[in-house]
Amino acid sequence: MTPGPAARRVLERLEREDAEERRLGKPREERSRQIAATTGRLLFTLAAARQGCKVLEVGGSRGYSTIWLASAVALGVGRVVSLENDPRKVSAWRANVAEADLDAYAELIEGDAFTTLPALGKCFDLCFIDAEKGDYERLFALAREKITLGSLIVADNVLSHSDTLAAYSRARQSDPTLVSVTVPLDRGLEFSTIIG
């Protein structure tokens, strides 16, 4: 099972746009800064494996990763709650998710995650963190309070930004209440399962 035709069209367009922005050397603040397609497929697999999966996404950008996640939760009548602070990206997120016919499965909460995340209930099965790298420690601490025992937090960019995030990975892997592993896919993912 893969994303539906509308979602695939939007994903392919966003991939072309991202490649062009990188080719032109646009400043990182102006780029979508989206995940790689293979990371998208992995997130799809993780979310699709759990019936009624409730996903928390910290850093929705223009909706590329949201579309992968929402396509997956649509199979099992789950839900994605995505947090994004940049007004330009918020507008693009809404348009892209609607064009992908997935707005029934994904909700965007606009604003600073340090304000919006604490207000959420504790009900998530999977959390994906792809935000400002210097914020990962504090975001992990907040997200951990919102997911259930046995659930998974996935953080992106732990290898591509190892100068900032190596300490994040070490902290997860030395925590006895977690089972955590670095997955060397694309820009590097840290998988952390809550066991206590």
N, C-alpha and C. Protein backbone atom coordinates (compact mmCIF):
# COMPACT_ATOMS: atom_id res chain seq x y z
N MET A 1 0.84 -1.18 0.00
CA MET A 1 0.00 0.00 0.00
C MET A 1 0.88 1.24 0.00
N THR A 2 0.51 2.23 -0.78
CA THR A 2 1.26 3.47 -0.86
C THR A 2 0.29 4.64 -0.80
N PRO A 3 0.79 5.88 -0.70
CA PRO A 3 -0.12 7.03 -0.76
C PRO A 3 -0.96 7.00 -2.02
N GLY A 4 -2.17 7.54 -1.93
CA GLY A 4 -3.08 7.56 -3.07
C GLY A 4 -2.58 8.47 -4.19
N PRO A 5 -3.28 8.47 -5.34
CA PRO A 5 -2.82 9.24 -6.51
C PRO A 5 -2.64 10.74 -6.23
N ALA A 6 -3.59 11.35 -5.54
CA ALA A 6 -3.48 12.79 -5.27
C ALA A 6 -2.27 13.07 -4.38
N ALA A 7 -2.09 12.25 -3.36
CA ALA A 7 -0.94 12.42 -2.46
C ALA A 7 0.37 12.22 -3.21
N ARG A 8 0.43 11.22 -4.07
CA ARG A 8 1.66 10.96 -4.84
C ARG A 8 2.01 12.14 -5.73
N ARG A 9 0.98 12.75 -6.36
CA ARG A 9 1.24 13.91 -7.21
C ARG A 9 1.83 15.06 -6.42
N VAL A 10 1.29 15.30 -5.23
CA VAL A 10 1.80 16.40 -4.39
C VAL A 10 3.22 16.08 -3.90
N LEU A 11 3.45 14.85 -3.47
CA LEU A 11 4.78 14.45 -3.03
C LEU A 11 5.82 14.65 -4.14
N GLU A 12 5.47 14.22 -5.34
CA GLU A 12 6.40 14.35 -6.47
C GLU A 12 6.68 15.82 -6.78
N ARG A 13 5.65 16.67 -6.72
CA ARG A 13 5.85 18.10 -6.96
C ARG A 13 6.76 18.70 -5.89
N LEU A 14 6.50 18.36 -4.63
CA LEU A 14 7.33 18.89 -3.55
C LEU A 14 8.78 18.42 -3.66
N GLU A 15 8.98 17.19 -4.11
CA GLU A 15 10.34 16.70 -4.33
C GLU A 15 11.04 17.50 -5.41
N ARG A 16 10.33 17.82 -6.50
CA ARG A 16 10.92 18.63 -7.56
C ARG A 16 11.25 20.04 -7.05
N GLU A 17 10.33 20.62 -6.29
CA GLU A 17 10.54 21.96 -5.75
C GLU A 17 11.75 21.99 -4.81
N ASP A 18 11.86 20.97 -3.96
CA ASP A 18 12.97 20.91 -3.02
C ASP A 18 14.30 20.78 -3.76
N ALA A 19 14.33 19.93 -4.78
CA ALA A 19 15.56 19.75 -5.56
C ALA A 19 15.95 21.05 -6.25
N GLU A 20 14.98 21.78 -6.77
CA GLU A 20 15.27 23.04 -7.44
C GLU A 20 15.77 24.10 -6.45
N GLU A 21 15.16 24.17 -5.27
CA GLU A 21 15.61 25.12 -4.26
C GLU A 21 17.06 24.84 -3.84
N ARG A 22 17.40 23.57 -3.72
CA ARG A 22 18.77 23.21 -3.35
C ARG A 22 19.73 23.54 -4.50
N ARG A 23 19.30 23.27 -5.74
CA ARG A 23 20.14 23.56 -6.91
C ARG A 23 20.43 25.05 -6.99
N LEU A 24 19.45 25.88 -6.69
CA LEU A 24 19.61 27.32 -6.76
C LEU A 24 20.36 27.89 -5.55
N GLY A 25 20.59 27.06 -4.55
CA GLY A 25 21.30 27.51 -3.36
C GLY A 25 20.50 28.47 -2.49
N LYS A 26 19.19 28.26 -2.46
CA LYS A 26 18.36 29.13 -1.62
C LYS A 26 18.77 29.01 -0.15
N PRO A 27 18.68 30.11 0.59
CA PRO A 27 19.00 30.04 2.03
C PRO A 27 18.10 29.02 2.72
N ARG A 28 18.63 28.34 3.73
CA ARG A 28 17.90 27.25 4.40
C ARG A 28 16.56 27.74 4.97
N GLU A 29 16.49 29.01 5.40
CA GLU A 29 15.24 29.53 5.97
C GLU A 29 14.13 29.60 4.93
N GLU A 30 14.50 29.70 3.67
CA GLU A 30 13.52 29.83 2.59
C GLU A 30 13.17 28.49 1.95
N ARG A 31 13.97 27.47 2.21
CA ARG A 31 13.71 26.15 1.62
C ARG A 31 12.67 25.40 2.46
N SER A 32 12.12 24.36 1.86
CA SER A 32 11.16 23.53 2.58
C SER A 32 11.84 22.71 3.66
N ARG A 33 13.12 22.37 3.43
CA ARG A 33 13.89 21.57 4.39
C ARG A 33 13.16 20.27 4.72
N GLN A 34 12.62 19.63 3.69
CA GLN A 34 11.83 18.42 3.90
C GLN A 34 12.72 17.19 3.99
N ILE A 35 12.15 16.13 4.51
CA ILE A 35 12.84 14.85 4.62
C ILE A 35 13.07 14.24 3.24
N ALA A 36 13.97 13.28 3.18
CA ALA A 36 14.19 12.53 1.94
C ALA A 36 13.03 11.57 1.72
N ALA A 37 12.82 11.20 0.46
CA ALA A 37 11.70 10.31 0.11
C ALA A 37 11.79 8.96 0.82
N THR A 38 12.99 8.42 0.97
CA THR A 38 13.12 7.12 1.64
C THR A 38 12.75 7.24 3.13
N THR A 39 13.06 8.37 3.74
CA THR A 39 12.61 8.59 5.12
C THR A 39 11.09 8.68 5.16
N GLY A 40 10.50 9.31 4.15
CA GLY A 40 9.04 9.36 4.06
C GLY A 40 8.42 7.98 4.00
N ARG A 41 9.01 7.11 3.20
CA ARG A 41 8.49 5.73 3.10
C ARG A 41 8.63 4.99 4.42
N LEU A 42 9.74 5.24 5.12
CA LEU A 42 9.91 4.61 6.43
C LEU A 42 8.86 5.11 7.42
N LEU A 43 8.61 6.40 7.46
CA LEU A 43 7.58 6.95 8.36
C LEU A 43 6.21 6.38 8.00
N PHE A 44 5.94 6.25 6.71
CA PHE A 44 4.67 5.65 6.26
C PHE A 44 4.52 4.25 6.85
N THR A 45 5.58 3.45 6.74
CA THR A 45 5.55 2.08 7.24
C THR A 45 5.31 2.03 8.75
N LEU A 46 5.98 2.91 9.49
CA LEU A 46 5.82 2.94 10.95
C LEU A 46 4.39 3.30 11.34
N ALA A 47 3.83 4.31 10.68
CA ALA A 47 2.48 4.76 11.05
C ALA A 47 1.40 3.80 10.56
N ALA A 48 1.62 3.18 9.41
CA ALA A 48 0.62 2.26 8.85
C ALA A 48 0.53 0.96 9.65
N ALA A 49 1.60 0.63 10.37
CA ALA A 49 1.64 -0.64 11.09
C ALA A 49 0.73 -0.67 12.31
N ARG A 50 0.25 0.47 12.74
CA ARG A 50 -0.56 0.54 13.96
C ARG A 50 -1.96 1.05 13.63
N GLN A 51 -2.95 0.24 13.86
CA GLN A 51 -4.34 0.62 13.60
C GLN A 51 -4.71 1.84 14.45
N GLY A 52 -5.28 2.84 13.80
CA GLY A 52 -5.71 4.04 14.52
C GLY A 52 -4.55 4.85 15.08
N CYS A 53 -3.39 4.79 14.43
CA CYS A 53 -2.19 5.46 14.93
C CYS A 53 -2.40 6.97 15.04
N LYS A 54 -2.02 7.51 16.20
CA LYS A 54 -2.07 8.95 16.43
C LYS A 54 -0.64 9.47 16.42
N VAL A 55 -0.36 10.37 15.48
CA VAL A 55 1.00 10.84 15.23
C VAL A 55 1.12 12.32 15.61
N LEU A 56 2.19 12.63 16.31
CA LEU A 56 2.56 14.00 16.60
C LEU A 56 3.77 14.34 15.75
N GLU A 57 3.65 15.39 14.95
CA GLU A 57 4.76 15.83 14.10
C GLU A 57 5.20 17.21 14.57
N VAL A 58 6.45 17.31 14.98
CA VAL A 58 6.99 18.59 15.46
C VAL A 58 7.87 19.16 14.35
N GLY A 59 7.31 20.10 13.61
CA GLY A 59 7.99 20.69 12.45
C GLY A 59 7.36 20.19 11.17
N GLY A 60 6.23 20.75 10.78
CA GLY A 60 5.50 20.27 9.60
C GLY A 60 5.97 20.84 8.29
N SER A 61 6.68 21.97 8.33
CA SER A 61 7.16 22.66 7.13
C SER A 61 6.02 22.81 6.12
N ARG A 62 6.25 22.45 4.87
CA ARG A 62 5.22 22.61 3.82
C ARG A 62 4.33 21.37 3.68
N GLY A 63 4.50 20.40 4.56
CA GLY A 63 3.59 19.26 4.57
C GLY A 63 4.08 17.99 3.92
N TYR A 64 5.33 17.96 3.46
CA TYR A 64 5.81 16.75 2.78
C TYR A 64 5.77 15.53 3.69
N SER A 65 6.39 15.63 4.86
CA SER A 65 6.37 14.48 5.78
C SER A 65 4.97 14.22 6.31
N THR A 66 4.19 15.29 6.46
CA THR A 66 2.80 15.13 6.92
C THR A 66 2.01 14.28 5.94
N ILE A 67 2.23 14.49 4.66
CA ILE A 67 1.49 13.73 3.63
C ILE A 67 1.84 12.25 3.71
N TRP A 68 3.13 11.93 3.92
CA TRP A 68 3.49 10.52 4.10
C TRP A 68 2.78 9.94 5.34
N LEU A 69 2.84 10.68 6.44
CA LEU A 69 2.23 10.18 7.68
C LEU A 69 0.71 10.09 7.58
N ALA A 70 0.08 11.12 7.01
CA ALA A 70 -1.39 11.12 6.90
C ALA A 70 -1.88 10.04 5.94
N SER A 71 -1.10 9.77 4.89
CA SER A 71 -1.47 8.68 3.98
C SER A 71 -1.48 7.35 4.72
N ALA A 72 -0.54 7.19 5.65
CA ALA A 72 -0.46 5.95 6.42
C ALA A 72 -1.59 5.84 7.43
N VAL A 73 -1.84 6.90 8.19
CA VAL A 73 -2.88 6.80 9.22
C VAL A 73 -4.27 6.71 8.61
N ALA A 74 -4.43 7.18 7.37
CA ALA A 74 -5.73 7.06 6.70
C ALA A 74 -6.13 5.60 6.50
N LEU A 75 -5.15 4.70 6.44
CA LEU A 75 -5.44 3.28 6.26
C LEU A 75 -6.11 2.68 7.50
N GLY A 76 -5.78 3.22 8.66
CA GLY A 76 -6.31 2.68 9.90
C GLY A 76 -7.10 3.68 10.71
N VAL A 77 -7.60 4.70 10.03
CA VAL A 77 -8.42 5.74 10.65
C VAL A 77 -7.70 6.36 11.85
N GLY A 78 -6.45 6.76 11.61
CA GLY A 78 -5.69 7.47 12.64
C GLY A 78 -5.70 8.96 12.40
N ARG A 79 -4.74 9.65 12.97
CA ARG A 79 -4.72 11.11 12.90
C ARG A 79 -3.29 11.62 13.06
N VAL A 80 -2.97 12.71 12.35
CA VAL A 80 -1.69 13.40 12.49
C VAL A 80 -1.97 14.79 13.03
N VAL A 81 -1.26 15.18 14.07
CA VAL A 81 -1.27 16.56 14.55
C VAL A 81 0.11 17.12 14.27
N SER A 82 0.17 18.14 13.44
CA SER A 82 1.43 18.72 13.00
C SER A 82 1.59 20.12 13.58
N LEU A 83 2.79 20.42 14.08
CA LEU A 83 3.08 21.73 14.65
C LEU A 83 4.03 22.48 13.72
N GLU A 84 3.71 23.73 13.41
CA GLU A 84 4.58 24.55 12.55
C GLU A 84 4.42 26.01 12.95
N ASN A 85 5.55 26.72 12.97
CA ASN A 85 5.57 28.11 13.44
C ASN A 85 5.70 29.14 12.32
N ASP A 86 6.32 28.77 11.20
CA ASP A 86 6.60 29.72 10.12
C ASP A 86 5.33 30.00 9.32
N PRO A 87 4.82 31.24 9.31
CA PRO A 87 3.54 31.54 8.62
C PRO A 87 3.56 31.18 7.14
N ARG A 88 4.72 31.36 6.45
CA ARG A 88 4.78 31.01 5.03
C ARG A 88 4.64 29.51 4.83
N LYS A 89 5.21 28.74 5.72
CA LYS A 89 5.12 27.29 5.61
C LYS A 89 3.75 26.79 6.04
N VAL A 90 3.14 27.47 6.99
CA VAL A 90 1.79 27.11 7.43
C VAL A 90 0.82 27.17 6.25
N SER A 91 0.89 28.25 5.49
CA SER A 91 0.01 28.42 4.34
C SER A 91 0.25 27.32 3.30
N ALA A 92 1.52 27.02 3.02
CA ALA A 92 1.85 25.97 2.06
C ALA A 92 1.40 24.61 2.58
N TRP A 93 1.59 24.35 3.89
CA TRP A 93 1.16 23.08 4.49
C TRP A 93 -0.32 22.86 4.23
N ARG A 94 -1.13 23.88 4.54
CA ARG A 94 -2.58 23.74 4.38
C ARG A 94 -2.96 23.44 2.93
N ALA A 95 -2.35 24.17 1.99
CA ALA A 95 -2.66 23.97 0.57
C ALA A 95 -2.22 22.58 0.10
N ASN A 96 -1.03 22.16 0.49
CA ASN A 96 -0.51 20.86 0.03
C ASN A 96 -1.28 19.69 0.61
N VAL A 97 -1.60 19.74 1.89
CA VAL A 97 -2.35 18.64 2.51
C VAL A 97 -3.75 18.56 1.93
N ALA A 98 -4.38 19.71 1.66
CA ALA A 98 -5.71 19.70 1.03
C ALA A 98 -5.64 19.14 -0.39
N GLU A 99 -4.62 19.56 -1.15
CA GLU A 99 -4.47 19.06 -2.52
C GLU A 99 -4.23 17.55 -2.54
N ALA A 100 -3.60 17.04 -1.49
CA ALA A 100 -3.35 15.60 -1.38
C ALA A 100 -4.58 14.83 -0.90
N ASP A 101 -5.69 15.54 -0.65
CA ASP A 101 -6.94 14.94 -0.15
C ASP A 101 -6.76 14.26 1.20
N LEU A 102 -5.96 14.88 2.08
CA LEU A 102 -5.67 14.26 3.37
C LEU A 102 -6.04 15.16 4.55
N ASP A 103 -6.74 16.26 4.30
CA ASP A 103 -7.04 17.16 5.40
C ASP A 103 -7.99 16.57 6.44
N ALA A 104 -8.65 15.47 6.10
CA ALA A 104 -9.50 14.80 7.10
C ALA A 104 -8.66 14.01 8.11
N TYR A 105 -7.39 13.78 7.78
CA TYR A 105 -6.53 12.95 8.63
C TYR A 105 -5.38 13.72 9.28
N ALA A 106 -5.25 15.01 8.94
CA ALA A 106 -4.14 15.80 9.46
C ALA A 106 -4.63 17.16 9.92
N GLU A 107 -4.16 17.56 11.07
CA GLU A 107 -4.51 18.86 11.65
C GLU A 107 -3.23 19.65 11.88
N LEU A 108 -3.25 20.91 11.52
CA LEU A 108 -2.10 21.78 11.74
C LEU A 108 -2.37 22.70 12.92
N ILE A 109 -1.43 22.74 13.85
CA ILE A 109 -1.50 23.70 14.95
C ILE A 109 -0.37 24.69 14.73
N GLU A 110 -0.76 25.95 14.51
CA GLU A 110 0.20 26.99 14.19
C GLU A 110 0.71 27.65 15.46
N GLY A 111 2.03 27.88 15.50
CA GLY A 111 2.62 28.57 16.64
C GLY A 111 3.89 27.89 17.11
N ASP A 112 4.53 28.51 18.08
CA ASP A 112 5.77 28.01 18.65
C ASP A 112 5.49 26.70 19.39
N ALA A 113 6.24 25.65 19.05
CA ALA A 113 6.00 24.33 19.65
C ALA A 113 6.17 24.34 21.17
N PHE A 114 7.00 25.24 21.68
CA PHE A 114 7.19 25.30 23.13
C PHE A 114 5.94 25.82 23.84
N THR A 115 5.04 26.44 23.07
CA THR A 115 3.75 26.88 23.61
C THR A 115 2.65 25.89 23.26
N THR A 116 2.62 25.42 22.01
CA THR A 116 1.52 24.58 21.55
C THR A 116 1.62 23.13 22.04
N LEU A 117 2.85 22.60 22.13
CA LEU A 117 3.02 21.20 22.51
C LEU A 117 2.54 20.91 23.93
N PRO A 118 2.87 21.73 24.92
CA PRO A 118 2.40 21.43 26.28
C PRO A 118 0.88 21.40 26.41
N ALA A 119 0.17 22.08 25.51
CA ALA A 119 -1.29 22.14 25.60
C ALA A 119 -1.98 20.89 25.05
N LEU A 120 -1.22 20.02 24.38
CA LEU A 120 -1.82 18.82 23.81
C LEU A 120 -2.02 17.75 24.88
N GLY A 121 -2.98 16.84 24.62
CA GLY A 121 -3.21 15.73 25.53
C GLY A 121 -2.17 14.63 25.33
N LYS A 122 -2.13 13.70 26.29
CA LYS A 122 -1.19 12.56 26.20
C LYS A 122 -1.90 11.42 25.50
N CYS A 123 -1.74 11.36 24.17
CA CYS A 123 -2.51 10.36 23.43
C CYS A 123 -1.81 9.86 22.18
N PHE A 124 -0.52 10.15 22.00
CA PHE A 124 0.13 9.85 20.73
C PHE A 124 0.91 8.53 20.78
N ASP A 125 0.91 7.85 19.64
CA ASP A 125 1.60 6.57 19.50
C ASP A 125 2.96 6.72 18.83
N LEU A 126 3.14 7.79 18.07
CA LEU A 126 4.36 8.02 17.30
C LEU A 126 4.60 9.52 17.25
N CYS A 127 5.85 9.92 17.46
CA CYS A 127 6.22 11.33 17.35
C CYS A 127 7.40 11.44 16.40
N PHE A 128 7.31 12.41 15.49
CA PHE A 128 8.40 12.69 14.56
C PHE A 128 8.88 14.11 14.80
N ILE A 129 10.16 14.25 15.14
CA ILE A 129 10.76 15.57 15.40
C ILE A 129 11.67 15.94 14.25
N ASP A 130 11.35 17.07 13.61
CA ASP A 130 12.17 17.60 12.52
C ASP A 130 12.07 19.12 12.59
N ALA A 131 12.78 19.69 13.55
CA ALA A 131 12.67 21.12 13.84
C ALA A 131 14.06 21.71 13.94
N GLU A 132 14.18 22.86 14.58
CA GLU A 132 15.49 23.48 14.77
C GLU A 132 16.35 22.55 15.64
N LYS A 133 17.54 22.26 15.17
CA LYS A 133 18.35 21.21 15.80
C LYS A 133 18.73 21.53 17.24
N GLY A 134 18.96 22.79 17.54
CA GLY A 134 19.32 23.16 18.91
C GLY A 134 18.18 23.01 19.90
N ASP A 135 16.96 22.77 19.38
CA ASP A 135 15.78 22.64 20.24
C ASP A 135 15.41 21.19 20.54
N TYR A 136 16.12 20.22 19.95
CA TYR A 136 15.70 18.82 20.06
C TYR A 136 15.59 18.33 21.50
N GLU A 137 16.54 18.67 22.35
CA GLU A 137 16.48 18.18 23.74
C GLU A 137 15.19 18.63 24.43
N ARG A 138 14.89 19.91 24.33
CA ARG A 138 13.68 20.41 24.99
C ARG A 138 12.42 19.88 24.32
N LEU A 139 12.45 19.73 23.01
CA LEU A 139 11.28 19.19 22.30
C LEU A 139 11.05 17.73 22.67
N PHE A 140 12.15 16.95 22.77
CA PHE A 140 12.01 15.56 23.18
C PHE A 140 11.35 15.47 24.55
N ALA A 141 11.81 16.29 25.50
CA ALA A 141 11.26 16.25 26.86
C ALA A 141 9.77 16.56 26.85
N LEU A 142 9.36 17.53 26.05
CA LEU A 142 7.93 17.87 25.97
C LEU A 142 7.14 16.77 25.26
N ALA A 143 7.68 16.25 24.17
CA ALA A 143 6.98 15.22 23.39
C ALA A 143 6.83 13.94 24.19
N ARG A 144 7.84 13.61 24.97
CA ARG A 144 7.79 12.38 25.76
C ARG A 144 6.58 12.36 26.69
N GLU A 145 6.19 13.51 27.17
CA GLU A 145 5.02 13.62 28.05
C GLU A 145 3.71 13.38 27.32
N LYS A 146 3.75 13.38 25.99
CA LYS A 146 2.52 13.29 25.20
C LYS A 146 2.32 11.94 24.52
N ILE A 147 3.28 11.02 24.69
CA ILE A 147 3.11 9.73 24.02
C ILE A 147 3.00 8.62 25.06
N THR A 148 2.39 7.53 24.64
CA THR A 148 2.09 6.43 25.54
C THR A 148 3.28 5.49 25.68
N LEU A 149 3.29 4.72 26.76
CA LEU A 149 4.33 3.74 27.01
C LEU A 149 4.41 2.76 25.84
N GLY A 150 5.61 2.45 25.40
CA GLY A 150 5.79 1.55 24.27
C GLY A 150 5.78 2.26 22.93
N SER A 151 5.56 3.57 22.96
CA SER A 151 5.51 4.33 21.71
C SER A 151 6.89 4.82 21.30
N LEU A 152 6.96 5.39 20.11
CA LEU A 152 8.22 5.69 19.46
C LEU A 152 8.36 7.18 19.16
N ILE A 153 9.55 7.72 19.44
CA ILE A 153 9.90 9.07 19.01
C ILE A 153 11.04 8.94 18.00
N VAL A 154 10.84 9.53 16.83
CA VAL A 154 11.85 9.51 15.76
C VAL A 154 12.34 10.93 15.54
N ALA A 155 13.65 11.13 15.62
CA ALA A 155 14.25 12.44 15.37
C ALA A 155 15.08 12.38 14.10
N ASP A 156 14.89 13.36 13.21
CA ASP A 156 15.61 13.40 11.94
C ASP A 156 16.91 14.19 12.08
N ASN A 157 17.81 13.98 11.12
CA ASN A 157 19.04 14.76 10.95
C ASN A 157 20.13 14.50 11.98
N VAL A 158 20.08 13.36 12.68
CA VAL A 158 21.07 13.15 13.74
C VAL A 158 22.47 12.88 13.21
N LEU A 159 22.60 12.48 11.94
CA LEU A 159 23.92 12.28 11.34
C LEU A 159 24.34 13.48 10.51
N SER A 160 23.42 14.07 9.76
CA SER A 160 23.77 15.24 8.94
C SER A 160 24.12 16.46 9.81
N HIS A 161 23.59 16.49 11.03
CA HIS A 161 23.86 17.58 11.97
C HIS A 161 24.47 17.01 13.25
N SER A 162 25.44 16.10 13.07
CA SER A 162 26.00 15.41 14.24
C SER A 162 26.74 16.36 15.17
N ASP A 163 27.23 17.49 14.64
CA ASP A 163 27.90 18.45 15.51
C ASP A 163 26.95 18.95 16.60
N THR A 164 25.67 19.07 16.25
CA THR A 164 24.66 19.52 17.21
C THR A 164 23.95 18.35 17.88
N LEU A 165 23.70 17.28 17.11
CA LEU A 165 22.79 16.23 17.58
C LEU A 165 23.46 14.94 18.08
N ALA A 166 24.78 14.86 18.02
CA ALA A 166 25.44 13.67 18.57
C ALA A 166 25.14 13.53 20.06
N ALA A 167 25.10 14.65 20.75
CA ALA A 167 24.79 14.62 22.19
C ALA A 167 23.35 14.17 22.43
N TYR A 168 22.45 14.56 21.52
CA TYR A 168 21.05 14.12 21.61
C TYR A 168 20.99 12.59 21.53
N SER A 169 21.67 12.02 20.54
CA SER A 169 21.66 10.56 20.38
C SER A 169 22.30 9.85 21.57
N ARG A 170 23.42 10.37 22.07
CA ARG A 170 24.08 9.77 23.23
C ARG A 170 23.15 9.78 24.44
N ALA A 171 22.45 10.89 24.64
CA ALA A 171 21.54 11.00 25.78
C ALA A 171 20.40 10.00 25.68
N ARG A 172 19.87 9.79 24.48
CA ARG A 172 18.78 8.81 24.32
C ARG A 172 19.31 7.40 24.56
N GLN A 173 20.50 7.10 24.04
CA GLN A 173 21.01 5.73 24.13
C GLN A 173 21.52 5.37 25.53
N SER A 174 21.78 6.37 26.35
CA SER A 174 22.22 6.09 27.72
C SER A 174 21.07 6.14 28.73
N ASP A 175 19.88 6.42 28.26
CA ASP A 175 18.70 6.53 29.14
C ASP A 175 18.10 5.13 29.35
N PRO A 176 18.08 4.62 30.58
CA PRO A 176 17.56 3.26 30.82
C PRO A 176 16.05 3.12 30.63
N THR A 177 15.35 4.24 30.49
CA THR A 177 13.90 4.17 30.26
C THR A 177 13.55 4.15 28.77
N LEU A 178 14.60 4.08 27.94
CA LEU A 178 14.41 4.06 26.49
C LEU A 178 15.18 2.90 25.87
N VAL A 179 14.71 2.44 24.72
CA VAL A 179 15.54 1.65 23.82
C VAL A 179 15.72 2.54 22.60
N SER A 180 16.96 2.94 22.35
CA SER A 180 17.21 3.93 21.30
C SER A 180 18.34 3.46 20.39
N VAL A 181 18.19 3.74 19.09
CA VAL A 181 19.20 3.34 18.12
C VAL A 181 19.26 4.38 17.01
N THR A 182 20.47 4.63 16.52
CA THR A 182 20.65 5.51 15.37
C THR A 182 20.50 4.69 14.10
N VAL A 183 19.61 5.12 13.22
CA VAL A 183 19.39 4.44 11.94
C VAL A 183 20.05 5.27 10.85
N PRO A 184 21.08 4.73 10.18
CA PRO A 184 21.84 5.51 9.21
C PRO A 184 21.16 5.60 7.84
N LEU A 185 19.93 6.04 7.83
CA LEU A 185 19.17 6.23 6.59
C LEU A 185 19.12 7.71 6.29
N ASP A 186 19.40 8.09 5.06
CA ASP A 186 19.35 9.48 4.61
C ASP A 186 20.18 10.38 5.52
N ARG A 187 19.54 11.29 6.25
CA ARG A 187 20.30 12.25 7.08
C ARG A 187 20.48 11.74 8.52
N GLY A 188 20.04 10.51 8.77
CA GLY A 188 20.20 9.91 10.09
C GLY A 188 18.98 10.11 10.96
N LEU A 189 18.48 9.02 11.52
CA LEU A 189 17.28 9.04 12.37
C LEU A 189 17.62 8.41 13.71
N GLU A 190 17.15 9.01 14.78
CA GLU A 190 17.27 8.39 16.10
C GLU A 190 15.90 7.86 16.48
N PHE A 191 15.82 6.54 16.66
CA PHE A 191 14.59 5.87 17.08
C PHE A 191 14.66 5.65 18.58
N SER A 192 13.69 6.13 19.31
CA SER A 192 13.66 5.97 20.76
C SER A 192 12.29 5.45 21.19
N THR A 193 12.26 4.22 21.72
CA THR A 193 11.03 3.63 22.23
C THR A 193 10.97 3.81 23.74
N ILE A 194 9.83 4.30 24.21
CA ILE A 194 9.63 4.54 25.64
C ILE A 194 9.29 3.22 26.32
N ILE A 195 10.15 2.76 27.24
CA ILE A 195 9.88 1.49 27.94
C ILE A 195 9.64 1.68 29.45
N GLY A 196 9.83 2.90 29.95
CA GLY A 196 9.62 3.11 31.38
C GLY A 196 9.55 4.57 31.70
